[in-house]
Protein backbone atom coordinates (compact mmCIF):
# COMPACT_ATOMS: atom_id res chain seq x y z
CA UNK A 1 98.22 110.37 132.46
CA UNK A 2 96.12 108.19 130.14
CA UNK A 3 94.27 105.00 131.03
CA UNK A 4 96.96 102.68 129.66
CA UNK A 5 99.66 104.47 131.66
CA UNK A 6 97.60 104.08 134.83
CA UNK A 7 97.20 100.35 134.23
CA UNK A 8 100.91 100.01 133.50
CA UNK A 9 101.82 101.86 136.69
CA UNK A 10 99.47 99.65 138.73
CA UNK A 11 101.06 96.53 137.25
CA UNK A 12 104.61 97.77 137.74
CA UNK A 13 103.75 98.56 141.35
CA UNK A 14 102.71 94.97 141.96
CA UNK A 15 98.98 95.10 141.25
CA UNK A 16 98.10 92.37 138.72
CA UNK A 17 94.75 94.10 138.15
CA UNK A 18 96.53 96.66 135.97
CA UNK A 19 97.67 93.96 133.57
CA UNK A 20 94.22 92.34 133.60
CA UNK A 21 92.69 95.66 132.58
CA UNK A 22 95.14 96.00 129.67
CA UNK A 23 94.24 92.48 128.52
CA UNK A 24 90.51 93.22 128.72
CA UNK A 25 90.94 96.45 126.82
CA UNK A 26 93.03 95.00 123.98
CA UNK A 27 92.25 91.26 123.73
CA UNK A 28 89.51 91.50 121.10
CA UNK A 29 91.47 93.97 119.01
CA UNK A 30 94.59 91.80 119.14
CA UNK A 31 92.67 88.68 118.16
CA UNK A 32 91.06 90.52 115.24
CA UNK A 33 94.46 91.69 114.01
CA UNK A 34 95.83 88.15 114.22
CA UNK A 35 92.77 86.78 112.38
CA UNK A 36 93.31 89.40 109.69
CA UNK A 37 96.99 88.55 109.34
CA UNK A 38 96.93 84.75 109.43
CA UNK A 39 93.27 83.80 109.13
CA UNK A 40 90.96 82.29 111.70
CA UNK A 41 93.24 79.50 112.63
CA UNK A 42 93.05 77.27 115.70
CA UNK A 43 96.41 78.69 116.65
CA UNK A 44 95.26 82.34 116.52
CA UNK A 45 94.19 82.31 120.16
CA UNK A 46 97.53 80.73 121.12
CA UNK A 47 99.32 83.52 119.28
CA UNK A 48 97.24 86.11 121.14
CA UNK A 49 98.16 84.46 124.44
CA UNK A 50 101.82 84.48 123.41
CA UNK A 51 101.51 88.22 122.69
CA UNK A 52 100.13 88.89 126.15
CA UNK A 53 102.82 86.73 127.75
CA UNK A 54 105.44 88.81 125.98
CA UNK A 55 103.72 91.97 127.20
CA UNK A 56 103.53 90.62 130.75
CA UNK A 57 107.22 89.81 130.84
CA UNK A 58 108.34 92.85 128.85
CA UNK A 59 106.19 95.61 130.31
CA UNK A 60 108.91 96.68 132.74
CA UNK A 61 111.11 97.40 129.68
CA UNK A 62 108.49 99.52 127.89
CA UNK A 63 110.18 102.94 127.72
CA UNK A 64 107.06 104.97 126.94
CA UNK A 65 108.64 106.83 124.04
CA UNK A 66 105.58 105.81 122.06
CA UNK A 67 102.00 104.94 122.94
CA UNK A 68 101.43 101.59 124.62
CA UNK A 69 99.22 100.48 121.71
CA UNK A 70 102.08 101.14 119.26
CA UNK A 71 104.41 98.97 121.33
CA UNK A 72 101.71 96.30 121.67
CA UNK A 73 100.93 96.24 117.94
CA UNK A 74 104.65 95.85 117.18
CA UNK A 75 104.66 92.76 119.42
CA UNK A 76 101.56 91.45 117.60
CA UNK A 77 103.15 91.95 114.18
CA UNK A 78 106.45 90.35 115.23
CA UNK A 79 104.71 87.40 116.88
CA UNK A 80 102.51 86.82 113.81
CA UNK A 81 105.57 87.04 111.53
CA UNK A 82 107.38 84.53 113.73
CA UNK A 83 104.44 82.16 113.62
CA UNK A 84 104.25 82.38 109.83
CA UNK A 85 107.99 81.82 109.48
CA UNK A 86 107.75 78.67 111.63
CA UNK A 87 104.78 77.50 109.63
CA UNK A 88 106.50 78.14 106.32
CA UNK A 89 104.57 81.30 105.40
CA UNK A 90 101.24 79.50 105.02
CA UNK A 91 98.82 82.31 105.68
CA UNK A 92 95.84 80.54 107.26
CA UNK A 93 92.51 79.00 106.51
CA UNK A 94 89.81 80.68 104.49
CA UNK A 95 87.13 80.97 107.15
CA UNK A 96 88.29 84.12 108.99
CA UNK A 97 85.42 86.22 107.73
CA UNK A 98 82.85 83.45 108.06
CA UNK A 99 81.58 84.75 111.39
CA UNK A 100 81.21 88.30 110.11
CA UNK A 101 78.47 87.42 107.62
CA UNK A 102 75.42 89.58 108.23
CA UNK A 103 71.98 87.99 108.25
CA UNK A 104 69.78 88.94 105.32
CA UNK A 105 66.12 88.30 104.70
CA UNK A 106 66.78 86.77 101.29
CA UNK A 107 68.73 83.48 101.70
CA UNK A 108 70.25 83.89 98.22
CA UNK A 109 71.63 87.30 99.21
CA UNK A 110 73.05 85.84 102.42
CA UNK A 111 74.66 82.94 100.54
CA UNK A 112 76.10 85.34 97.98
CA UNK A 113 77.54 87.52 100.75
CA UNK A 114 79.00 84.47 102.48
CA UNK A 115 80.59 83.29 99.25
CA UNK A 116 82.02 86.75 98.58
CA UNK A 117 83.47 86.98 102.07
CA UNK A 118 85.01 83.51 101.74
CA UNK A 119 86.51 84.60 98.43
CA UNK A 120 87.77 87.81 100.03
CA UNK A 121 89.42 85.83 102.82
CA UNK A 122 91.02 83.49 100.30
CA UNK A 123 92.36 86.48 98.36
CA UNK A 124 93.55 88.15 101.59
CA UNK A 125 95.38 84.96 102.52
CA UNK A 126 97.43 85.30 99.33
CA UNK A 127 98.59 88.85 100.05
CA UNK A 128 102.21 88.77 101.27
CA UNK A 129 102.37 89.39 105.01
CA UNK A 130 104.86 92.26 104.66
CA UNK A 131 102.21 94.23 102.76
CA UNK A 132 99.11 92.85 104.47
CA UNK A 133 100.23 93.97 107.94
CA UNK A 134 100.28 97.65 106.96
CA UNK A 135 96.88 97.31 105.26
CA UNK A 136 95.33 95.59 108.28
CA UNK A 137 96.59 98.29 110.64
CA UNK A 138 95.25 101.02 108.33
CA UNK A 139 92.01 99.59 106.94
CA UNK A 140 90.86 97.38 109.80
CA UNK A 141 92.36 99.03 112.87
CA UNK A 142 92.12 102.56 111.50
CA UNK A 143 95.61 103.57 112.60
CA UNK A 144 97.35 106.62 111.16
CA UNK A 145 100.27 106.33 108.76
CA UNK A 146 102.52 107.79 111.45
CA UNK A 147 101.53 105.15 113.99
CA UNK A 148 101.90 102.35 111.45
CA UNK A 149 105.37 103.64 110.55
CA UNK A 150 106.32 103.47 114.23
CA UNK A 151 104.89 99.97 114.63
CA UNK A 152 106.61 98.63 111.51
CA UNK A 153 109.71 100.79 112.02
CA UNK A 154 109.75 102.19 108.51
CA UNK A 155 109.08 105.52 106.82
CA UNK A 156 105.59 106.85 106.12
CA UNK A 157 106.36 106.54 102.39
CA UNK A 158 107.14 102.86 102.89
CA UNK A 159 103.87 102.40 104.79
CA UNK A 160 101.94 104.07 101.97
CA UNK A 161 103.71 101.86 99.44
CA UNK A 162 102.99 98.68 101.43
CA UNK A 163 99.31 99.58 101.76
CA UNK A 164 99.07 100.36 98.06
CA UNK A 165 100.78 97.10 97.10
CA UNK A 166 98.59 95.09 99.52
CA UNK A 167 95.45 96.60 98.02
CA UNK A 168 96.73 95.85 94.50
CA UNK A 169 97.50 92.24 95.47
CA UNK A 170 94.04 91.93 97.01
CA UNK A 171 92.34 93.42 93.96
CA UNK A 172 94.30 91.17 91.57
CA UNK A 173 93.53 88.08 93.65
CA UNK A 174 89.82 88.92 93.79
CA UNK A 175 89.76 89.35 90.02
CA UNK A 176 91.60 86.06 89.56
CA UNK A 177 89.15 84.28 91.86
CA UNK A 178 86.23 85.75 89.92
CA UNK A 179 84.95 87.92 92.73
CA UNK A 180 85.42 91.28 91.09
CA UNK A 181 87.32 94.01 92.87
CA UNK A 182 87.12 94.75 96.57
């Protein structure tokens, strides 16, 4: 029995500590996925909390036909989609990568990197969510095509196509913004 299954069993047997351990294990990952999908928005943390509320209330219905993380990521994707639908498909602000800027000795190099990352975030914000989700799960989370197909409930070929299209959108947007390719 894996770690997630143990935590789930603890929670289902009345021990809240099991759920707390799942939150600790996944909270940063979930927030990063949400940032990648909608941008670093003030509402991103609210969306993450909504995800964990859904998990808390739905865990007893988790059938364990797939890994817990697959089920969790499906909830993340659906919650992010729902948020974007309510918001009218506005993807988010352009500062999601701002905090990931590495410090350089040369201030010009640091500024250039910061500008490039801001441009990358702006381009990423323009990628349609139906393509971006697959790319985020693959390129940022490092999930396999099989797992992504389970999360998104589509074929592996469709996942490959979505990732390809997302990368093409991103490349085209970067070129349009004058940032070169990614």
